[in-house]
N, C-alpha and C. Protein backbone atom coordinates (compact mmCIF):
# COMPACT_ATOMS: atom_id res chain seq x y z
N MET A 1 -19.75 10.04 -2.03
CA MET A 1 -19.63 10.15 -0.58
C MET A 1 -18.34 9.50 -0.09
N ILE A 2 -17.97 8.36 -0.66
CA ILE A 2 -16.79 7.64 -0.18
C ILE A 2 -15.52 8.44 -0.42
N ASP A 3 -15.51 9.26 -1.47
CA ASP A 3 -14.32 10.08 -1.74
C ASP A 3 -14.05 11.08 -0.62
N ALA A 4 -15.11 11.56 0.01
CA ALA A 4 -14.94 12.47 1.14
C ALA A 4 -14.26 11.75 2.31
N LEU A 5 -14.62 10.49 2.53
CA LEU A 5 -13.98 9.70 3.58
C LEU A 5 -12.51 9.44 3.24
N VAL A 6 -12.23 9.12 1.98
CA VAL A 6 -10.85 8.91 1.55
C VAL A 6 -10.03 10.16 1.86
N ASP A 7 -10.56 11.33 1.53
CA ASP A 7 -9.85 12.59 1.79
C ASP A 7 -9.65 12.83 3.28
N GLN A 8 -10.69 12.58 4.08
CA GLN A 8 -10.57 12.77 5.53
C GLN A 8 -9.52 11.82 6.12
N ALA A 9 -9.51 10.59 5.66
CA ALA A 9 -8.53 9.61 6.16
C ALA A 9 -7.11 10.03 5.77
N ALA A 10 -6.95 10.53 4.56
CA ALA A 10 -5.63 11.00 4.12
C ALA A 10 -5.18 12.18 4.97
N ASP A 11 -6.08 13.11 5.23
CA ASP A 11 -5.74 14.28 6.06
C ASP A 11 -5.35 13.85 7.48
N ALA A 12 -6.08 12.90 8.04
CA ALA A 12 -5.83 12.47 9.42
C ALA A 12 -4.52 11.71 9.57
N THR A 13 -4.11 11.00 8.53
CA THR A 13 -2.93 10.14 8.63
C THR A 13 -1.68 10.71 8.00
N GLY A 14 -1.85 11.64 7.06
CA GLY A 14 -0.71 12.12 6.29
C GLY A 14 -0.38 11.22 5.11
N LEU A 15 -1.22 10.22 4.87
CA LEU A 15 -1.05 9.36 3.70
C LEU A 15 -1.46 10.13 2.45
N THR A 16 -1.02 9.64 1.29
CA THR A 16 -1.53 10.20 0.05
C THR A 16 -2.97 9.75 -0.12
N THR A 17 -3.67 10.40 -1.00
CA THR A 17 -5.05 10.00 -1.28
C THR A 17 -5.09 8.57 -1.81
N ASP A 18 -4.13 8.20 -2.65
CA ASP A 18 -4.09 6.84 -3.18
C ASP A 18 -3.86 5.81 -2.08
N GLN A 19 -2.95 6.11 -1.15
CA GLN A 19 -2.71 5.19 -0.04
C GLN A 19 -3.95 5.07 0.85
N SER A 20 -4.58 6.19 1.11
CA SER A 20 -5.80 6.19 1.92
C SER A 20 -6.89 5.38 1.25
N ARG A 21 -7.04 5.57 -0.05
CA ARG A 21 -8.04 4.82 -0.81
C ARG A 21 -7.75 3.32 -0.75
N THR A 22 -6.48 2.95 -0.90
CA THR A 22 -6.09 1.55 -0.85
C THR A 22 -6.40 0.95 0.52
N ALA A 23 -6.07 1.69 1.58
CA ALA A 23 -6.34 1.20 2.94
C ALA A 23 -7.83 1.01 3.18
N LEU A 24 -8.63 1.98 2.79
CA LEU A 24 -10.07 1.87 2.97
C LEU A 24 -10.67 0.77 2.10
N ALA A 25 -10.16 0.63 0.88
CA ALA A 25 -10.64 -0.42 -0.01
C ALA A 25 -10.38 -1.80 0.59
N ALA A 26 -9.19 -1.99 1.12
CA ALA A 26 -8.84 -3.28 1.72
C ALA A 26 -9.70 -3.55 2.96
N ALA A 27 -9.88 -2.53 3.80
CA ALA A 27 -10.68 -2.70 5.01
C ALA A 27 -12.13 -3.02 4.66
N LEU A 28 -12.69 -2.32 3.69
CA LEU A 28 -14.08 -2.59 3.29
C LEU A 28 -14.23 -3.98 2.68
N ALA A 29 -13.22 -4.42 1.94
CA ALA A 29 -13.26 -5.77 1.38
C ALA A 29 -13.22 -6.81 2.48
N LEU A 30 -12.41 -6.59 3.49
CA LEU A 30 -12.33 -7.50 4.63
C LEU A 30 -13.67 -7.54 5.36
N ILE A 31 -14.27 -6.38 5.54
CA ILE A 31 -15.60 -6.30 6.16
C ILE A 31 -16.61 -7.08 5.33
N GLU A 32 -16.60 -6.85 4.02
CA GLU A 32 -17.57 -7.53 3.16
C GLU A 32 -17.40 -9.05 3.22
N LYS A 33 -16.18 -9.49 3.32
CA LYS A 33 -15.87 -10.93 3.31
C LYS A 33 -16.27 -11.62 4.62
N HIS A 34 -16.14 -10.92 5.75
CA HIS A 34 -16.27 -11.60 7.04
C HIS A 34 -17.42 -11.13 7.93
N ALA A 35 -17.98 -9.97 7.69
CA ALA A 35 -19.04 -9.46 8.57
C ALA A 35 -20.40 -10.02 8.15
N ASP A 36 -21.37 -9.79 9.00
CA ASP A 36 -22.74 -10.23 8.74
C ASP A 36 -23.25 -9.59 7.44
N PRO A 37 -23.67 -10.41 6.47
CA PRO A 37 -24.06 -9.88 5.16
C PRO A 37 -25.18 -8.84 5.20
N GLU A 38 -26.16 -9.03 6.07
CA GLU A 38 -27.26 -8.06 6.14
C GLU A 38 -26.77 -6.70 6.62
N ARG A 39 -25.89 -6.70 7.60
CA ARG A 39 -25.37 -5.43 8.11
C ARG A 39 -24.44 -4.77 7.10
N VAL A 40 -23.68 -5.59 6.37
CA VAL A 40 -22.82 -5.05 5.32
C VAL A 40 -23.67 -4.38 4.24
N THR A 41 -24.76 -5.03 3.87
CA THR A 41 -25.67 -4.46 2.87
C THR A 41 -26.21 -3.12 3.36
N ASP A 42 -26.59 -3.04 4.63
CA ASP A 42 -27.08 -1.78 5.20
C ASP A 42 -26.02 -0.69 5.09
N LEU A 43 -24.78 -1.04 5.46
CA LEU A 43 -23.69 -0.07 5.40
C LEU A 43 -23.44 0.39 3.98
N PHE A 44 -23.33 -0.55 3.06
CA PHE A 44 -23.03 -0.22 1.67
C PHE A 44 -24.17 0.57 1.03
N SER A 45 -25.39 0.32 1.45
CA SER A 45 -26.53 1.08 0.93
C SER A 45 -26.52 2.52 1.45
N ALA A 46 -26.06 2.70 2.66
CA ALA A 46 -26.07 4.03 3.28
C ALA A 46 -24.88 4.89 2.89
N VAL A 47 -23.77 4.27 2.51
CA VAL A 47 -22.55 5.02 2.19
C VAL A 47 -22.25 4.81 0.71
N GLU A 48 -22.64 5.79 -0.07
CA GLU A 48 -22.47 5.72 -1.52
C GLU A 48 -20.99 5.53 -1.88
N GLY A 49 -20.73 4.52 -2.69
CA GLY A 49 -19.38 4.23 -3.15
C GLY A 49 -18.65 3.18 -2.33
N ALA A 50 -19.19 2.81 -1.18
CA ALA A 50 -18.51 1.85 -0.31
C ALA A 50 -18.42 0.47 -0.96
N LYS A 51 -19.47 0.03 -1.60
CA LYS A 51 -19.47 -1.28 -2.26
C LYS A 51 -18.41 -1.32 -3.36
N ALA A 52 -18.37 -0.30 -4.19
CA ALA A 52 -17.39 -0.25 -5.28
C ALA A 52 -15.97 -0.22 -4.73
N LEU A 53 -15.76 0.50 -3.64
CA LEU A 53 -14.42 0.56 -3.05
C LEU A 53 -14.04 -0.80 -2.47
N ALA A 54 -15.00 -1.49 -1.87
CA ALA A 54 -14.73 -2.84 -1.36
C ALA A 54 -14.31 -3.78 -2.48
N GLU A 55 -14.95 -3.64 -3.62
CA GLU A 55 -14.59 -4.48 -4.77
C GLU A 55 -13.16 -4.20 -5.22
N GLU A 56 -12.75 -2.93 -5.15
CA GLU A 56 -11.36 -2.58 -5.49
C GLU A 56 -10.38 -3.26 -4.54
N GLY A 57 -10.76 -3.39 -3.30
CA GLY A 57 -9.86 -3.94 -2.29
C GLY A 57 -9.89 -5.44 -2.14
N ALA A 58 -10.75 -6.13 -2.88
CA ALA A 58 -10.91 -7.57 -2.69
C ALA A 58 -9.60 -8.34 -2.82
N LYS A 59 -8.75 -7.94 -3.73
CA LYS A 59 -7.49 -8.69 -3.91
C LYS A 59 -6.58 -8.57 -2.69
N MET A 60 -6.77 -7.53 -1.90
CA MET A 60 -5.94 -7.35 -0.71
C MET A 60 -6.31 -8.34 0.39
N THR A 61 -7.49 -8.92 0.35
CA THR A 61 -7.90 -9.85 1.40
C THR A 61 -7.73 -11.30 0.98
N GLN A 62 -7.25 -11.53 -0.22
CA GLN A 62 -6.99 -12.91 -0.64
C GLN A 62 -5.70 -13.35 0.00
N ASN A 63 -5.81 -14.35 0.86
CA ASN A 63 -4.66 -14.77 1.65
C ASN A 63 -3.94 -15.91 0.97
N LYS A 64 -2.99 -15.56 0.11
CA LYS A 64 -2.19 -16.58 -0.54
C LYS A 64 -0.90 -16.80 0.22
N SER A 65 -0.59 -15.85 1.10
CA SER A 65 0.62 -16.00 1.90
C SER A 65 0.25 -15.70 3.34
N GLY A 66 0.75 -14.63 3.87
CA GLY A 66 0.42 -14.25 5.24
C GLY A 66 1.35 -14.88 6.25
N GLY A 67 2.21 -15.79 5.81
CA GLY A 67 3.17 -16.39 6.70
C GLY A 67 2.63 -17.57 7.48
N LEU A 68 3.49 -18.14 8.27
CA LEU A 68 3.17 -19.34 9.04
C LEU A 68 2.03 -19.11 10.02
N MET A 69 2.09 -18.00 10.78
CA MET A 69 1.04 -17.74 11.77
C MET A 69 -0.31 -17.57 11.11
N ALA A 70 -0.37 -16.84 10.01
CA ALA A 70 -1.65 -16.64 9.32
C ALA A 70 -2.19 -17.97 8.83
N GLY A 71 -1.32 -18.81 8.30
CA GLY A 71 -1.76 -20.13 7.84
C GLY A 71 -2.29 -20.98 8.97
N MET A 72 -1.61 -20.95 10.11
CA MET A 72 -2.08 -21.72 11.27
C MET A 72 -3.42 -21.19 11.77
N MET A 73 -3.55 -19.88 11.80
CA MET A 73 -4.81 -19.28 12.26
C MET A 73 -5.96 -19.66 11.34
N ARG A 74 -5.71 -19.62 10.04
CA ARG A 74 -6.74 -19.96 9.08
C ARG A 74 -7.18 -21.41 9.26
N THR A 75 -6.21 -22.30 9.47
CA THR A 75 -6.51 -23.72 9.57
C THR A 75 -7.20 -24.07 10.87
N ALA A 76 -6.71 -23.55 11.96
CA ALA A 76 -7.20 -23.97 13.27
C ALA A 76 -8.22 -23.03 13.90
N GLY A 77 -8.35 -21.85 13.39
CA GLY A 77 -9.12 -20.83 14.10
C GLY A 77 -10.57 -20.67 13.71
N GLY A 78 -11.10 -21.49 12.83
CA GLY A 78 -12.49 -21.33 12.43
C GLY A 78 -12.72 -20.00 11.75
N ALA A 79 -13.95 -19.48 11.87
CA ALA A 79 -14.30 -18.21 11.22
C ALA A 79 -13.46 -17.06 11.75
N GLY A 80 -13.21 -17.04 13.07
CA GLY A 80 -12.39 -15.98 13.65
C GLY A 80 -10.96 -16.06 13.15
N GLY A 81 -10.45 -17.29 13.02
CA GLY A 81 -9.09 -17.47 12.51
C GLY A 81 -8.97 -17.03 11.07
N ALA A 82 -9.99 -17.30 10.28
CA ALA A 82 -9.98 -16.89 8.88
C ALA A 82 -9.95 -15.37 8.77
N ALA A 83 -10.75 -14.70 9.57
CA ALA A 83 -10.77 -13.23 9.54
C ALA A 83 -9.42 -12.67 9.98
N MET A 84 -8.84 -13.23 11.05
CA MET A 84 -7.53 -12.77 11.53
C MET A 84 -6.47 -13.03 10.48
N SER A 85 -6.51 -14.20 9.86
CA SER A 85 -5.53 -14.55 8.84
C SER A 85 -5.60 -13.59 7.67
N ASP A 86 -6.82 -13.31 7.21
CA ASP A 86 -6.99 -12.36 6.10
C ASP A 86 -6.53 -10.97 6.50
N ALA A 87 -6.80 -10.58 7.75
CA ALA A 87 -6.36 -9.26 8.22
C ALA A 87 -4.84 -9.18 8.26
N MET A 88 -4.19 -10.25 8.68
CA MET A 88 -2.72 -10.25 8.71
C MET A 88 -2.15 -10.15 7.30
N ALA A 89 -2.72 -10.89 6.37
CA ALA A 89 -2.25 -10.84 4.99
C ALA A 89 -2.48 -9.45 4.40
N MET A 90 -3.65 -8.87 4.69
CA MET A 90 -3.96 -7.53 4.22
C MET A 90 -2.96 -6.53 4.80
N GLY A 91 -2.65 -6.67 6.08
CA GLY A 91 -1.71 -5.77 6.72
C GLY A 91 -0.34 -5.81 6.06
N GLN A 92 0.11 -7.00 5.70
CA GLN A 92 1.41 -7.12 5.04
C GLN A 92 1.39 -6.42 3.68
N LYS A 93 0.31 -6.60 2.94
CA LYS A 93 0.21 -5.97 1.62
C LYS A 93 0.14 -4.45 1.75
N LEU A 94 -0.59 -3.97 2.75
CA LEU A 94 -0.68 -2.52 2.96
C LEU A 94 0.66 -1.94 3.39
N THR A 95 1.39 -2.66 4.22
CA THR A 95 2.70 -2.19 4.66
C THR A 95 3.62 -1.99 3.47
N ARG A 96 3.55 -2.90 2.51
CA ARG A 96 4.38 -2.76 1.30
C ARG A 96 3.98 -1.51 0.50
N GLN A 97 2.78 -1.00 0.72
CA GLN A 97 2.32 0.20 0.02
C GLN A 97 2.48 1.45 0.88
N GLY A 98 3.15 1.30 2.03
CA GLY A 98 3.42 2.44 2.88
C GLY A 98 2.33 2.77 3.87
N VAL A 99 1.37 1.86 4.07
CA VAL A 99 0.29 2.07 5.02
C VAL A 99 0.59 1.22 6.25
N THR A 100 0.76 1.87 7.40
CA THR A 100 1.14 1.17 8.62
C THR A 100 -0.08 0.81 9.47
N THR A 101 0.17 0.00 10.48
CA THR A 101 -0.87 -0.32 11.44
C THR A 101 -1.35 0.94 12.14
N ALA A 102 -0.43 1.83 12.44
CA ALA A 102 -0.81 3.11 13.07
C ALA A 102 -1.75 3.91 12.17
N ASP A 103 -1.50 3.88 10.87
CA ASP A 103 -2.39 4.56 9.93
C ASP A 103 -3.79 3.96 10.00
N LEU A 104 -3.86 2.63 10.02
CA LEU A 104 -5.16 1.96 10.09
C LEU A 104 -5.87 2.29 11.41
N GLN A 105 -5.09 2.38 12.49
CA GLN A 105 -5.68 2.73 13.79
C GLN A 105 -6.21 4.17 13.79
N THR A 106 -5.63 5.02 12.98
CA THR A 106 -6.11 6.39 12.86
C THR A 106 -7.34 6.45 11.96
N ILE A 107 -7.33 5.65 10.91
CA ILE A 107 -8.44 5.65 9.95
C ILE A 107 -9.73 5.12 10.56
N LEU A 108 -9.64 4.15 11.46
CA LEU A 108 -10.86 3.54 12.01
C LEU A 108 -11.77 4.55 12.70
N PRO A 109 -11.30 5.33 13.68
CA PRO A 109 -12.23 6.28 14.30
C PRO A 109 -12.70 7.37 13.35
N VAL A 110 -11.85 7.76 12.40
CA VAL A 110 -12.27 8.74 11.39
C VAL A 110 -13.43 8.17 10.58
N SER A 111 -13.30 6.91 10.21
CA SER A 111 -14.34 6.25 9.42
C SER A 111 -15.62 6.08 10.22
N MET A 112 -15.48 5.71 11.48
CA MET A 112 -16.67 5.52 12.31
C MET A 112 -17.43 6.84 12.47
N GLU A 113 -16.70 7.91 12.71
CA GLU A 113 -17.35 9.22 12.86
C GLU A 113 -17.96 9.68 11.54
N PHE A 114 -17.27 9.44 10.44
CA PHE A 114 -17.79 9.80 9.13
C PHE A 114 -19.13 9.11 8.87
N VAL A 115 -19.18 7.81 9.12
CA VAL A 115 -20.42 7.05 8.88
C VAL A 115 -21.52 7.52 9.82
N ARG A 116 -21.17 7.75 11.09
CA ARG A 116 -22.17 8.24 12.05
C ARG A 116 -22.75 9.58 11.62
N THR A 117 -21.88 10.47 11.19
CA THR A 117 -22.33 11.80 10.76
C THR A 117 -23.15 11.72 9.47
N ALA A 118 -22.71 10.91 8.54
CA ALA A 118 -23.37 10.82 7.24
C ALA A 118 -24.73 10.11 7.31
N THR A 119 -24.86 9.16 8.22
CA THR A 119 -26.07 8.33 8.24
C THR A 119 -26.94 8.55 9.47
N GLY A 120 -26.37 9.18 10.50
CA GLY A 120 -27.12 9.34 11.75
C GLY A 120 -27.18 8.06 12.56
N ARG A 121 -26.43 7.06 12.13
CA ARG A 121 -26.43 5.76 12.82
C ARG A 121 -24.99 5.26 12.94
N ASP A 122 -24.78 4.39 13.88
CA ASP A 122 -23.46 3.82 14.11
C ASP A 122 -23.29 2.54 13.29
N LEU A 123 -23.53 2.66 11.99
CA LEU A 123 -23.55 1.50 11.11
C LEU A 123 -22.22 0.77 11.04
N LEU A 124 -21.13 1.50 11.03
CA LEU A 124 -19.83 0.83 10.92
C LEU A 124 -19.56 -0.01 12.15
N ARG A 125 -19.82 0.51 13.32
CA ARG A 125 -19.65 -0.28 14.54
C ARG A 125 -20.57 -1.51 14.50
N ASP A 126 -21.80 -1.32 14.07
CA ASP A 126 -22.75 -2.43 13.99
C ASP A 126 -22.25 -3.55 13.09
N VAL A 127 -21.54 -3.19 12.03
CA VAL A 127 -20.98 -4.18 11.12
C VAL A 127 -19.74 -4.82 11.73
N LEU A 128 -18.85 -4.00 12.25
CA LEU A 128 -17.58 -4.50 12.76
C LEU A 128 -17.75 -5.53 13.88
N ILE A 129 -18.73 -5.33 14.75
CA ILE A 129 -18.89 -6.25 15.87
C ILE A 129 -19.30 -7.65 15.41
N THR A 130 -19.71 -7.79 14.16
CA THR A 130 -20.12 -9.11 13.67
C THR A 130 -18.97 -9.90 13.05
N ILE A 131 -17.79 -9.33 12.98
CA ILE A 131 -16.66 -10.05 12.39
C ILE A 131 -16.07 -10.98 13.45
N PRO A 132 -16.14 -12.29 13.21
CA PRO A 132 -15.65 -13.25 14.21
C PRO A 132 -14.18 -13.01 14.53
N GLY A 133 -13.88 -12.93 15.81
CA GLY A 133 -12.51 -12.79 16.26
C GLY A 133 -11.96 -11.37 16.22
N LEU A 134 -12.42 -10.56 15.28
CA LEU A 134 -11.89 -9.20 15.13
C LEU A 134 -12.81 -8.13 15.69
N GLY A 135 -14.09 -8.38 15.66
CA GLY A 135 -15.06 -7.37 16.07
C GLY A 135 -14.76 -6.71 17.40
N PRO A 136 -14.55 -7.50 18.46
CA PRO A 136 -14.25 -6.89 19.76
C PRO A 136 -12.95 -6.09 19.77
N LEU A 137 -11.98 -6.49 18.97
CA LEU A 137 -10.71 -5.77 18.91
C LEU A 137 -10.85 -4.43 18.19
N LEU A 138 -11.77 -4.37 17.23
CA LEU A 138 -11.92 -3.17 16.43
C LEU A 138 -12.90 -2.17 17.00
N THR A 139 -13.71 -2.60 17.93
CA THR A 139 -14.78 -1.75 18.42
C THR A 139 -14.75 -1.63 19.94
N PRO A 140 -13.71 -1.02 20.49
CA PRO A 140 -13.68 -0.83 21.94
C PRO A 140 -14.86 0.02 22.36
N GLN A 141 -15.34 -0.25 23.55
CA GLN A 141 -16.46 0.52 24.06
C GLN A 141 -16.00 1.93 24.39
N ASP A 142 -16.79 2.91 23.97
CA ASP A 142 -16.44 4.32 24.23
C ASP A 142 -16.60 4.66 25.68
C-alpha cells in the first residue's frame, strides 16, 4: 500500500520515486519519533508498509547537526523544540537529496488524502496534531 503513496507523491511533485520514498520515509520517521505512540500504531496498522518505511527514514531524523538554531530549539524548546529541531535537520538532509520544502508541502495533502481514502478515517491528521510544536503547523483547518 505504501508504494502507491510513494508513486502518488512522486507524480504530484515531479520528484523521482526514490526521492519521494526518501521524503516519505523521513516524514514517517519524524512522526514515529514525536507523535502520540497509540495514534502512530493505529496509522501504521492501517497503512501497510508505513512502519517499514519509517524505519528506513529513522537516520534522517537523527539530529547531529541542524545548525545553531536547531541546537537552541532542542535545548530550550522542550518536546516542541525537539520536534522542530529534528524537522529542521531532516529538512537539510532532504534538501541535499533534491527534496525541497515545497515538495514536502505538496506531499502532505497528497498523503492525507491517500490515508483518508485508504482507511476511511483521517488517521494522518489525527497523528500529526499530537506532535508538540509542529502539529498545528502541519494540520491547518480545512
